[in-house]
């Protein structure tokens, strides 16, 4: 009993994001179907020529001796189209390498890579996850701050302290540099708890501004 000759076929897949297309390529008469429909009816129509790209680049004559049946799942319309075109290109390269000759396979591969490398190599890029504290993956909520001269800030702080001390009725000779600020060699700060607290608040404000 004669056994049937083994079918010359290859199977390759293409990926884009979460879309996966699997192409079964075998000897035939140039038939290309996607999920059971001819490639001429692939949707959306505006992206149809993206699926045609391997055929337009290599010419119909290179596809005349093979049949391709493609199944695609996952992702959106655009991702599926990109997965389809990659699986078609990879399947033809694999078929020529296995059943035709290495020279023809190299010519096909060079044409595809020269036009667009992603026809043969999967695109690893993915959308980055949004994080807290901003509107997107990297965007942060901006906090605007106005520039302040440090000397002017200390001058205003010292004048405010003088006014505060005057309200308490303290005499200048009782002032001491108890807080160790050291920015005012000719001036002294009052030795009182309310003023010390006031100075600490000013120091916190200055640190925050920096």
N, C-alpha and C. Protein backbone atom coordinates (compact mmCIF):
# COMPACT_ATOMS: atom_id res chain seq x y z
N UNK A 1 0.84 -1.19 0.00
CA UNK A 1 0.00 0.00 0.00
C UNK A 1 0.88 1.25 0.00
N UNK A 2 0.65 2.12 -0.96
CA UNK A 2 1.46 3.32 -1.08
C UNK A 2 1.06 4.34 -0.02
N UNK A 3 2.06 4.95 0.57
CA UNK A 3 1.79 5.99 1.58
C UNK A 3 1.79 7.36 0.92
N UNK A 4 0.94 8.25 1.44
CA UNK A 4 0.84 9.60 0.89
C UNK A 4 2.12 10.38 1.19
N UNK A 5 2.52 11.17 0.22
CA UNK A 5 3.71 11.99 0.40
C UNK A 5 3.46 13.04 1.48
N UNK A 6 4.45 13.28 2.33
CA UNK A 6 4.26 14.27 3.39
C UNK A 6 4.01 15.66 2.81
N UNK A 7 3.10 16.38 3.45
CA UNK A 7 2.76 17.73 2.99
C UNK A 7 3.88 18.70 3.36
N UNK A 8 4.25 19.51 2.38
CA UNK A 8 5.26 20.53 2.64
C UNK A 8 4.57 21.74 3.27
N UNK A 9 4.81 21.93 4.55
CA UNK A 9 4.13 23.03 5.25
C UNK A 9 4.99 23.53 6.41
N UNK A 10 4.75 24.76 6.76
CA UNK A 10 5.38 25.37 7.94
C UNK A 10 4.30 26.15 8.69
N UNK A 11 4.58 26.39 9.97
CA UNK A 11 3.65 27.16 10.79
C UNK A 11 4.43 28.21 11.57
N UNK A 12 4.02 29.45 11.45
CA UNK A 12 4.70 30.55 12.14
C UNK A 12 3.68 31.46 12.78
N UNK A 13 4.12 32.22 13.77
CA UNK A 13 3.22 33.14 14.45
C UNK A 13 3.80 34.54 14.45
N UNK A 14 2.92 35.51 14.55
CA UNK A 14 3.31 36.91 14.69
C UNK A 14 2.62 37.51 15.90
N UNK A 15 3.28 38.46 16.55
CA UNK A 15 2.73 39.07 17.76
C UNK A 15 2.80 40.59 17.67
N UNK A 16 1.81 41.21 18.26
CA UNK A 16 1.82 42.65 18.47
C UNK A 16 0.98 42.93 19.70
N UNK A 17 1.64 43.44 20.76
CA UNK A 17 0.98 43.65 22.05
C UNK A 17 0.36 42.33 22.51
N UNK A 18 -0.98 42.26 22.62
CA UNK A 18 -1.62 41.01 23.08
C UNK A 18 -2.25 40.24 21.93
N UNK A 19 -2.07 40.70 20.69
CA UNK A 19 -2.63 39.99 19.52
C UNK A 19 -1.64 38.93 19.04
N UNK A 20 -2.17 37.76 18.70
CA UNK A 20 -1.34 36.66 18.20
C UNK A 20 -1.98 36.12 16.92
N UNK A 21 -1.19 36.05 15.85
CA UNK A 21 -1.64 35.49 14.57
C UNK A 21 -0.79 34.28 14.24
N UNK A 22 -1.44 33.17 13.90
CA UNK A 22 -0.74 31.93 13.54
C UNK A 22 -1.02 31.64 12.07
N UNK A 23 0.04 31.48 11.27
CA UNK A 23 -0.09 31.23 9.83
C UNK A 23 0.37 29.82 9.51
N UNK A 24 -0.50 29.08 8.82
CA UNK A 24 -0.17 27.74 8.32
C UNK A 24 0.07 27.88 6.82
N UNK A 25 1.31 27.65 6.40
CA UNK A 25 1.71 27.85 5.01
C UNK A 25 2.08 26.50 4.39
N UNK A 26 1.49 26.19 3.22
CA UNK A 26 1.77 24.92 2.53
C UNK A 26 1.77 25.15 1.01
N UNK A 27 2.20 24.13 0.27
CA UNK A 27 2.17 24.21 -1.19
C UNK A 27 0.74 24.44 -1.66
N UNK A 28 0.59 25.33 -2.63
CA UNK A 28 -0.75 25.63 -3.11
C UNK A 28 -0.74 26.50 -4.34
N UNK A 29 -1.76 27.35 -4.45
CA UNK A 29 -1.94 28.17 -5.66
C UNK A 29 -2.14 29.65 -5.34
N UNK A 30 -1.58 30.11 -4.22
CA UNK A 30 -1.60 31.54 -3.92
C UNK A 30 -2.80 32.00 -3.11
N UNK A 31 -3.43 31.10 -2.38
CA UNK A 31 -4.61 31.44 -1.58
C UNK A 31 -4.16 31.95 -0.21
N UNK A 32 -4.70 33.09 0.21
CA UNK A 32 -4.40 33.64 1.54
C UNK A 32 -5.72 33.99 2.22
N UNK A 33 -5.99 33.34 3.35
CA UNK A 33 -7.24 33.58 4.08
C UNK A 33 -6.94 33.92 5.53
N UNK A 34 -7.73 34.85 6.05
CA UNK A 34 -7.59 35.28 7.45
C UNK A 34 -8.89 34.99 8.17
N UNK A 35 -8.83 34.11 9.16
CA UNK A 35 -10.04 33.68 9.90
C UNK A 35 -11.14 33.23 8.94
N UNK A 36 -10.75 32.53 7.88
CA UNK A 36 -11.72 31.98 6.93
C UNK A 36 -12.12 32.91 5.81
N UNK A 37 -11.72 34.18 5.84
CA UNK A 37 -12.09 35.15 4.80
C UNK A 37 -10.87 35.52 3.97
N UNK A 38 -11.06 35.84 2.68
CA UNK A 38 -9.92 36.27 1.84
C UNK A 38 -9.26 37.52 2.41
N UNK A 39 -7.97 37.66 2.15
CA UNK A 39 -7.24 38.81 2.68
C UNK A 39 -7.78 40.12 2.10
N UNK A 40 -8.43 40.05 0.93
CA UNK A 40 -9.00 41.26 0.31
C UNK A 40 -10.15 41.85 1.13
N UNK A 41 -10.70 41.07 2.06
CA UNK A 41 -11.84 41.53 2.87
C UNK A 41 -11.46 41.83 4.32
N UNK A 42 -10.18 41.88 4.61
CA UNK A 42 -9.76 42.10 5.99
C UNK A 42 -10.24 43.47 6.47
N UNK A 43 -10.66 43.52 7.71
CA UNK A 43 -11.15 44.76 8.33
C UNK A 43 -10.21 45.19 9.45
N UNK A 44 -10.10 46.49 9.73
CA UNK A 44 -10.75 47.63 9.05
C UNK A 44 -10.12 47.93 7.70
N UNK A 45 -10.91 48.48 6.82
CA UNK A 45 -10.46 48.73 5.44
C UNK A 45 -9.28 49.69 5.39
N UNK A 46 -9.27 50.67 6.31
CA UNK A 46 -8.21 51.68 6.30
C UNK A 46 -6.83 51.07 6.59
N UNK A 47 -6.79 49.91 7.25
CA UNK A 47 -5.52 49.24 7.57
C UNK A 47 -5.25 48.04 6.66
N UNK A 48 -6.07 47.87 5.64
CA UNK A 48 -5.94 46.68 4.79
C UNK A 48 -4.59 46.61 4.10
N UNK A 49 -4.07 47.75 3.67
CA UNK A 49 -2.79 47.74 2.97
C UNK A 49 -1.63 47.39 3.89
N UNK A 50 -1.82 47.54 5.20
CA UNK A 50 -0.79 47.08 6.14
C UNK A 50 -0.65 45.57 6.08
N UNK A 51 -1.77 44.87 5.95
CA UNK A 51 -1.72 43.41 5.81
C UNK A 51 -1.15 43.00 4.46
N UNK A 52 -1.33 43.87 3.44
CA UNK A 52 -0.80 43.58 2.10
C UNK A 52 0.70 43.79 1.99
N UNK A 53 1.31 44.49 2.93
CA UNK A 53 2.70 44.93 2.78
C UNK A 53 3.67 43.82 2.38
N UNK A 54 3.66 42.64 3.01
CA UNK A 54 4.59 41.59 2.57
C UNK A 54 4.38 41.20 1.10
N UNK A 55 3.11 41.17 0.67
CA UNK A 55 2.81 40.78 -0.72
C UNK A 55 3.27 41.87 -1.68
N UNK A 56 3.02 43.14 -1.34
CA UNK A 56 3.41 44.25 -2.21
C UNK A 56 4.93 44.38 -2.29
N UNK A 57 5.62 44.10 -1.19
CA UNK A 57 7.08 44.21 -1.19
C UNK A 57 7.74 43.10 -2.00
N UNK A 58 7.26 41.87 -1.84
CA UNK A 58 7.91 40.71 -2.43
C UNK A 58 7.35 40.33 -3.79
N UNK A 59 6.14 40.79 -4.09
CA UNK A 59 5.52 40.45 -5.36
C UNK A 59 4.64 39.21 -5.25
N UNK A 60 3.57 39.20 -6.04
CA UNK A 60 2.62 38.08 -6.02
C UNK A 60 3.27 36.77 -6.46
N UNK A 61 4.28 36.86 -7.33
CA UNK A 61 4.88 35.63 -7.86
C UNK A 61 5.52 34.78 -6.77
N UNK A 62 5.98 35.41 -5.69
CA UNK A 62 6.59 34.63 -4.60
C UNK A 62 5.53 33.93 -3.76
N UNK A 63 4.29 34.39 -3.81
CA UNK A 63 3.20 33.76 -3.06
C UNK A 63 2.37 32.82 -3.94
N UNK A 64 2.70 32.76 -5.24
CA UNK A 64 1.86 31.98 -6.17
C UNK A 64 1.90 30.48 -5.88
N UNK A 65 2.99 30.00 -5.30
CA UNK A 65 3.11 28.56 -5.08
C UNK A 65 2.74 28.11 -3.68
N UNK A 66 2.16 28.98 -2.86
CA UNK A 66 1.82 28.60 -1.48
C UNK A 66 0.39 29.03 -1.15
N UNK A 67 -0.20 28.31 -0.22
CA UNK A 67 -1.48 28.70 0.40
C UNK A 67 -1.22 29.06 1.85
N UNK A 68 -1.86 30.11 2.32
CA UNK A 68 -1.70 30.54 3.72
C UNK A 68 -3.06 30.68 4.37
N UNK A 69 -3.18 30.05 5.53
CA UNK A 69 -4.39 30.21 6.34
C UNK A 69 -3.98 30.78 7.70
N UNK A 70 -4.58 31.89 8.05
CA UNK A 70 -4.16 32.64 9.23
C UNK A 70 -5.30 32.71 10.23
N UNK A 71 -4.97 32.43 11.49
CA UNK A 71 -5.92 32.61 12.59
C UNK A 71 -5.34 33.67 13.52
N UNK A 72 -6.17 34.65 13.87
CA UNK A 72 -5.69 35.73 14.72
C UNK A 72 -6.65 35.94 15.88
N UNK A 73 -6.09 36.16 17.06
CA UNK A 73 -6.89 36.36 18.27
C UNK A 73 -6.22 37.43 19.14
N UNK A 74 -7.04 38.02 20.02
CA UNK A 74 -6.53 38.97 21.02
C UNK A 74 -6.25 40.34 20.43
N UNK A 75 -6.03 41.29 21.33
CA UNK A 75 -5.67 42.64 20.92
C UNK A 75 -6.80 43.39 20.25
N UNK A 76 -6.46 44.53 19.66
CA UNK A 76 -7.43 45.34 18.92
C UNK A 76 -7.23 45.19 17.43
N UNK A 77 -7.95 46.01 16.66
CA UNK A 77 -7.87 45.91 15.20
C UNK A 77 -6.46 46.17 14.70
N UNK A 78 -5.84 47.23 15.18
CA UNK A 78 -4.50 47.59 14.70
C UNK A 78 -3.47 46.53 15.09
N UNK A 79 -3.53 46.06 16.33
CA UNK A 79 -2.58 45.03 16.78
C UNK A 79 -2.74 43.76 15.97
N UNK A 80 -3.96 43.39 15.65
CA UNK A 80 -4.19 42.18 14.86
C UNK A 80 -3.61 42.31 13.46
N UNK A 81 -3.78 43.48 12.84
CA UNK A 81 -3.22 43.68 11.49
C UNK A 81 -1.70 43.55 11.51
N UNK A 82 -1.06 44.14 12.52
CA UNK A 82 0.40 44.05 12.61
C UNK A 82 0.85 42.62 12.90
N UNK A 83 0.09 41.88 13.69
CA UNK A 83 0.43 40.48 13.95
C UNK A 83 0.27 39.64 12.68
N UNK A 84 -0.77 39.94 11.88
CA UNK A 84 -1.01 39.20 10.63
C UNK A 84 0.15 39.40 9.65
N UNK A 85 0.54 40.66 9.43
CA UNK A 85 1.61 40.93 8.46
C UNK A 85 2.92 40.30 8.88
N UNK A 86 3.18 40.26 10.20
CA UNK A 86 4.41 39.63 10.67
C UNK A 86 4.37 38.12 10.47
N UNK A 87 3.23 37.50 10.75
CA UNK A 87 3.14 36.04 10.60
C UNK A 87 3.23 35.63 9.13
N UNK A 88 2.65 36.44 8.21
CA UNK A 88 2.75 36.14 6.77
C UNK A 88 4.21 36.19 6.33
N UNK A 89 4.91 37.25 6.71
CA UNK A 89 6.31 37.41 6.32
C UNK A 89 7.18 36.29 6.88
N UNK A 90 6.99 35.96 8.15
CA UNK A 90 7.81 34.91 8.77
C UNK A 90 7.52 33.55 8.16
N UNK A 91 6.24 33.29 7.83
CA UNK A 91 5.88 32.00 7.25
C UNK A 91 6.52 31.83 5.87
N UNK A 92 6.52 32.89 5.05
CA UNK A 92 7.11 32.77 3.72
C UNK A 92 8.62 32.56 3.80
N UNK A 93 9.28 33.28 4.72
CA UNK A 93 10.73 33.10 4.90
C UNK A 93 11.03 31.67 5.34
N UNK A 94 10.25 31.15 6.29
CA UNK A 94 10.47 29.78 6.78
C UNK A 94 10.22 28.75 5.68
N UNK A 95 9.18 28.98 4.86
CA UNK A 95 8.87 28.03 3.78
C UNK A 95 10.00 28.00 2.75
N UNK A 96 10.48 29.17 2.35
CA UNK A 96 11.57 29.21 1.37
C UNK A 96 12.84 28.61 1.93
N UNK A 97 13.10 28.81 3.20
CA UNK A 97 14.30 28.23 3.81
C UNK A 97 14.23 26.71 3.85
N UNK A 98 13.04 26.19 4.09
CA UNK A 98 12.90 24.74 4.28
C UNK A 98 12.71 23.98 2.97
N UNK A 99 11.98 24.59 2.02
CA UNK A 99 11.57 23.82 0.84
C UNK A 99 12.06 24.40 -0.50
N UNK A 100 12.62 25.59 -0.52
CA UNK A 100 13.09 26.16 -1.79
C UNK A 100 14.62 26.20 -1.77
N UNK A 101 15.22 27.33 -1.46
CA UNK A 101 16.68 27.40 -1.35
C UNK A 101 17.08 28.58 -0.47
N UNK A 102 18.28 28.51 0.03
CA UNK A 102 18.77 29.50 0.97
C UNK A 102 18.95 30.87 0.32
N UNK A 103 19.35 30.89 -0.96
CA UNK A 103 19.56 32.16 -1.64
C UNK A 103 18.25 32.95 -1.77
N UNK A 104 17.18 32.28 -2.16
CA UNK A 104 15.87 32.95 -2.28
C UNK A 104 15.39 33.44 -0.93
N UNK A 105 15.59 32.61 0.08
CA UNK A 105 15.19 33.00 1.44
C UNK A 105 15.94 34.25 1.90
N UNK A 106 17.25 34.30 1.59
CA UNK A 106 18.05 35.47 2.00
C UNK A 106 17.58 36.73 1.28
N UNK A 107 17.25 36.62 0.01
CA UNK A 107 16.75 37.78 -0.75
C UNK A 107 15.46 38.31 -0.13
N UNK A 108 14.54 37.40 0.19
CA UNK A 108 13.26 37.79 0.79
C UNK A 108 13.48 38.46 2.14
N UNK A 109 14.34 37.87 2.95
CA UNK A 109 14.59 38.40 4.29
C UNK A 109 15.22 39.79 4.22
N UNK A 110 16.16 39.98 3.30
CA UNK A 110 16.82 41.29 3.16
C UNK A 110 15.82 42.37 2.74
N UNK A 111 14.92 42.04 1.83
CA UNK A 111 13.91 43.01 1.39
C UNK A 111 13.01 43.41 2.55
N UNK A 112 12.59 42.44 3.33
CA UNK A 112 11.68 42.71 4.45
C UNK A 112 12.36 43.54 5.54
N UNK A 113 13.58 43.16 5.90
CA UNK A 113 14.29 43.87 6.97
C UNK A 113 14.63 45.29 6.55
N UNK A 114 14.98 45.46 5.28
CA UNK A 114 15.31 46.79 4.79
C UNK A 114 14.10 47.73 4.84
N UNK A 115 12.92 47.18 4.61
CA UNK A 115 11.70 48.00 4.66
C UNK A 115 11.25 48.26 6.09
N UNK A 116 11.08 47.19 6.87
CA UNK A 116 10.61 47.32 8.26
C UNK A 116 11.02 46.08 9.03
N UNK A 117 11.87 46.28 10.01
CA UNK A 117 12.39 45.15 10.79
C UNK A 117 11.30 44.41 11.54
N UNK A 118 10.22 45.10 11.93
CA UNK A 118 9.16 44.45 12.71
C UNK A 118 8.34 43.46 11.88
N UNK A 119 8.60 43.37 10.56
CA UNK A 119 7.96 42.33 9.76
C UNK A 119 8.46 40.94 10.15
N UNK A 120 9.67 40.89 10.73
CA UNK A 120 10.23 39.59 11.13
C UNK A 120 10.54 39.50 12.62
N UNK A 121 10.67 40.65 13.28
CA UNK A 121 11.03 40.66 14.71
C UNK A 121 9.90 41.31 15.49
N UNK A 122 9.46 40.64 16.56
CA UNK A 122 8.35 41.15 17.37
C UNK A 122 8.75 42.44 18.08
N UNK A 123 7.80 43.33 18.21
CA UNK A 123 8.00 44.61 18.90
C UNK A 123 7.76 44.39 20.40
N UNK A 124 8.80 44.53 21.24
CA UNK A 124 8.63 44.23 22.67
C UNK A 124 7.99 45.35 23.48
N UNK A 125 7.74 46.51 22.89
CA UNK A 125 7.25 47.66 23.65
C UNK A 125 5.84 47.39 24.19
N UNK A 126 5.62 47.87 25.41
CA UNK A 126 4.31 47.74 26.04
C UNK A 126 3.94 49.06 26.70
N UNK A 127 2.66 49.27 26.90
CA UNK A 127 2.20 50.48 27.57
C UNK A 127 2.57 50.41 29.05
N UNK A 128 3.19 51.46 29.56
CA UNK A 128 3.62 51.47 30.96
C UNK A 128 2.43 51.77 31.88
N UNK A 129 2.39 51.08 33.00
CA UNK A 129 1.28 51.22 33.94
C UNK A 129 1.28 52.59 34.61
N UNK A 130 0.11 53.15 34.77
CA UNK A 130 -0.03 54.42 35.48
C UNK A 130 0.32 54.23 36.95
N UNK A 131 0.98 55.24 37.54
CA UNK A 131 1.32 55.22 38.96
C UNK A 131 0.55 56.31 39.70
N UNK A 132 0.48 56.15 41.02
CA UNK A 132 -0.18 57.16 41.83
C UNK A 132 0.66 58.43 41.88
N UNK A 133 0.01 59.55 42.16
CA UNK A 133 0.72 60.81 42.28
C UNK A 133 0.81 61.60 40.98
N UNK A 134 0.11 61.15 39.97
CA UNK A 134 0.15 61.86 38.69
C UNK A 134 -0.93 61.38 37.76
N UNK A 135 -0.98 61.99 36.58
CA UNK A 135 -2.02 61.68 35.61
C UNK A 135 -1.65 60.52 34.69
N UNK A 136 -0.41 60.07 34.72
CA UNK A 136 0.01 59.00 33.83
C UNK A 136 1.14 58.19 34.42
N UNK A 137 1.83 57.44 33.54
CA UNK A 137 2.92 56.58 33.99
C UNK A 137 4.10 57.39 34.53
N UNK A 138 4.41 58.50 33.88
CA UNK A 138 5.55 59.32 34.30
C UNK A 138 5.14 60.72 34.74
N UNK A 139 4.01 61.22 34.28
CA UNK A 139 3.60 62.58 34.62
C UNK A 139 3.31 62.71 36.11
N UNK A 140 3.78 63.78 36.69
CA UNK A 140 3.54 64.06 38.11
C UNK A 140 2.70 65.32 38.23
N UNK A 141 1.98 65.42 39.35
CA UNK A 141 1.22 66.64 39.63
C UNK A 141 2.20 67.75 39.98
N UNK A 142 2.21 68.83 39.21
CA UNK A 142 3.19 69.89 39.40
C UNK A 142 2.76 70.83 40.52
N UNK A 143 3.74 71.23 41.34
CA UNK A 143 3.52 72.19 42.42
C UNK A 143 4.38 73.40 42.11
N UNK A 144 3.76 74.51 41.75
CA UNK A 144 4.52 75.70 41.36
C UNK A 144 5.03 76.41 42.61
N UNK A 145 6.24 76.94 42.55
CA UNK A 145 6.83 77.70 43.65
C UNK A 145 7.52 78.93 43.06
N UNK A 146 7.47 80.05 43.79
CA UNK A 146 8.08 81.28 43.30
C UNK A 146 9.48 81.42 43.88
N UNK A 147 10.46 81.91 43.08
CA UNK A 147 11.82 82.07 43.59
C UNK A 147 11.92 83.21 44.59
N UNK A 148 12.63 82.97 45.70
CA UNK A 148 12.79 83.98 46.74
C UNK A 148 14.27 84.12 47.06
N UNK A 149 14.76 85.35 47.12
CA UNK A 149 16.13 85.61 47.51
C UNK A 149 16.29 85.28 49.00
N UNK A 150 17.31 84.47 49.32
CA UNK A 150 17.48 84.01 50.70
C UNK A 150 17.78 85.18 51.65
N UNK A 151 18.60 86.14 51.22
CA UNK A 151 18.91 87.29 52.07
C UNK A 151 17.67 88.13 52.36
N UNK A 152 16.85 88.32 51.32
CA UNK A 152 15.61 89.07 51.52
C UNK A 152 14.68 88.34 52.49
N UNK A 153 14.65 87.01 52.39
CA UNK A 153 13.78 86.23 53.27
C UNK A 153 14.23 86.37 54.73
N UNK A 154 15.56 86.31 54.99
CA UNK A 154 16.06 86.47 56.35
C UNK A 154 15.80 87.89 56.87
N UNK A 155 15.92 88.87 55.97
CA UNK A 155 15.66 90.25 56.37
C UNK A 155 14.22 90.44 56.81
N UNK A 156 13.30 89.89 56.01
CA UNK A 156 11.88 89.98 56.36
C UNK A 156 11.61 89.24 57.66
N UNK A 157 12.24 88.06 57.84
CA UNK A 157 12.03 87.27 59.05
C UNK A 157 12.52 88.03 60.28
N UNK A 158 13.69 88.69 60.16
CA UNK A 158 14.23 89.42 61.30
C UNK A 158 13.36 90.62 61.67
N UNK A 159 12.86 91.33 60.64
CA UNK A 159 11.98 92.46 60.91
C UNK A 159 10.69 92.01 61.59
N UNK A 160 10.18 90.85 61.13
CA UNK A 160 8.97 90.32 61.76
C UNK A 160 9.24 89.95 63.21
N UNK A 161 10.45 89.41 63.48
CA UNK A 161 10.81 89.07 64.86
C UNK A 161 10.92 90.32 65.73
N UNK A 162 11.48 91.39 65.16
CA UNK A 162 11.57 92.65 65.91
C UNK A 162 10.19 93.17 66.30
N UNK A 163 9.27 93.10 65.34
CA UNK A 163 7.89 93.55 65.62
C UNK A 163 7.28 92.69 66.71
N UNK A 164 7.52 91.37 66.62
CA UNK A 164 6.95 90.45 67.61
C UNK A 164 7.52 90.72 69.00
N UNK A 165 8.84 90.99 69.06
CA UNK A 165 9.48 91.29 70.35
C UNK A 165 8.95 92.61 70.91
N UNK A 166 8.77 93.60 70.03
CA UNK A 166 8.22 94.88 70.47
C UNK A 166 6.84 94.74 71.06
N UNK A 167 6.05 93.83 70.50
CA UNK A 167 4.70 93.60 71.04
C UNK A 167 4.77 93.00 72.43
N UNK A 168 5.84 92.22 72.71
CA UNK A 168 5.99 91.61 74.04
C UNK A 168 6.55 92.60 75.06
N UNK A 169 7.09 93.73 74.58
CA UNK A 169 7.64 94.73 75.49
C UNK A 169 8.99 94.36 76.04
N UNK A 170 9.79 93.60 75.29
CA UNK A 170 11.11 93.20 75.77
C UNK A 170 12.15 94.25 75.40
N UNK A 171 13.20 94.36 76.21
CA UNK A 171 14.26 95.33 75.97
C UNK A 171 15.38 94.68 75.16
N UNK A 172 16.04 95.44 74.23
CA UNK A 172 17.07 94.85 73.37
C UNK A 172 18.24 94.27 74.13
N UNK A 173 18.63 94.87 75.32
CA UNK A 173 19.80 94.34 76.03
C UNK A 173 19.57 92.94 76.59
N UNK A 174 18.31 92.47 76.66
CA UNK A 174 18.06 91.13 77.19
C UNK A 174 18.10 90.06 76.09
N UNK A 175 18.38 90.51 74.84
CA UNK A 175 18.36 89.54 73.75
C UNK A 175 19.63 88.68 73.78
N UNK A 176 19.47 87.44 73.41
CA UNK A 176 20.60 86.52 73.31
C UNK A 176 20.44 85.65 72.07
N UNK A 177 21.58 85.25 71.50
CA UNK A 177 21.53 84.36 70.34
C UNK A 177 21.42 82.92 70.84
N UNK A 178 20.27 82.63 71.45
CA UNK A 178 20.10 81.32 72.07
C UNK A 178 19.91 80.21 71.02
N UNK A 179 19.32 80.55 69.86
CA UNK A 179 18.97 79.53 68.87
C UNK A 179 20.12 79.19 67.92
N UNK A 180 21.21 79.96 68.01
CA UNK A 180 22.39 79.60 67.22
C UNK A 180 22.21 79.72 65.72
N UNK A 181 21.42 80.69 65.28
CA UNK A 181 21.22 80.83 63.83
C UNK A 181 22.49 81.35 63.15
N UNK A 182 23.12 82.36 63.76
CA UNK A 182 24.40 82.83 63.26
C UNK A 182 24.36 83.63 61.98
N UNK A 183 23.19 83.92 61.43
CA UNK A 183 23.14 84.68 60.19
C UNK A 183 23.19 86.19 60.43
N UNK A 184 22.97 86.63 61.68
CA UNK A 184 22.91 88.05 61.99
C UNK A 184 23.95 88.36 63.08
N UNK A 185 25.20 88.71 62.69
CA UNK A 185 26.25 88.93 63.71
C UNK A 185 25.99 90.12 64.62
N UNK A 186 25.29 91.16 64.14
CA UNK A 186 25.08 92.37 64.94
C UNK A 186 23.74 92.38 65.67
N UNK A 187 22.94 91.37 65.46
CA UNK A 187 21.60 91.34 66.06
C UNK A 187 21.46 90.16 66.99
N UNK A 188 20.57 90.28 67.97
CA UNK A 188 20.33 89.21 68.93
C UNK A 188 18.84 88.88 68.95
N UNK A 189 18.58 87.61 69.29
CA UNK A 189 17.20 87.17 69.38
C UNK A 189 16.79 87.05 70.84
N UNK A 190 15.55 87.33 71.18
CA UNK A 190 15.11 87.35 72.59
C UNK A 190 15.10 85.97 73.22
N UNK A 191 15.43 85.97 74.49
CA UNK A 191 15.46 84.73 75.25
C UNK A 191 14.07 84.50 75.87
N UNK A 192 13.14 84.18 75.03
CA UNK A 192 11.78 83.88 75.49
C UNK A 192 11.25 82.70 74.71
N UNK A 193 10.40 81.92 75.32
CA UNK A 193 9.85 80.73 74.67
C UNK A 193 9.00 81.07 73.44
N UNK A 194 8.11 82.10 73.51
CA UNK A 194 7.31 82.41 72.31
C UNK A 194 8.16 82.79 71.12
N UNK A 195 9.22 83.60 71.36
CA UNK A 195 10.08 84.02 70.25
C UNK A 195 10.86 82.84 69.70
N UNK A 196 11.34 81.95 70.59
CA UNK A 196 12.06 80.76 70.13
C UNK A 196 11.18 79.91 69.22
N UNK A 197 9.93 79.76 69.62
CA UNK A 197 8.99 79.01 68.77
C UNK A 197 8.78 79.71 67.43
N UNK A 198 8.69 81.04 67.49
CA UNK A 198 8.50 81.82 66.27
C UNK A 198 9.68 81.63 65.31
N UNK A 199 10.88 81.60 65.88
CA UNK A 199 12.08 81.42 65.06
C UNK A 199 12.11 80.01 64.45
N UNK A 200 11.70 79.02 65.22
CA UNK A 200 11.65 77.65 64.69
C UNK A 200 10.69 77.56 63.51
N UNK A 201 9.56 78.26 63.64
CA UNK A 201 8.60 78.27 62.53
C UNK A 201 9.21 78.90 61.29
N UNK A 202 9.94 80.02 61.51
CA UNK A 202 10.59 80.68 60.38
C UNK A 202 11.63 79.77 59.72
N UNK A 203 12.38 79.04 60.53
CA UNK A 203 13.38 78.11 59.99
C UNK A 203 12.73 77.02 59.16
N UNK A 204 11.59 76.53 59.64
CA UNK A 204 10.85 75.50 58.88
C UNK A 204 10.37 76.06 57.54
N UNK A 205 9.88 77.32 57.56
CA UNK A 205 9.42 77.95 56.32
C UNK A 205 10.57 78.12 55.33
N UNK A 206 11.74 78.51 55.86
CA UNK A 206 12.90 78.68 54.99
C UNK A 206 13.33 77.35 54.39
N UNK A 207 13.36 76.30 55.22
CA UNK A 207 13.74 74.97 54.73
C UNK A 207 12.76 74.48 53.68
N UNK A 208 11.46 74.75 53.90
CA UNK A 208 10.44 74.35 52.92
C UNK A 208 10.62 75.08 51.60
N UNK A 209 10.98 76.37 51.68
CA UNK A 209 11.17 77.14 50.45
C UNK A 209 12.35 76.61 49.64
N UNK A 210 13.40 76.14 50.34
CA UNK A 210 14.56 75.60 49.63
C UNK A 210 14.23 74.30 48.94
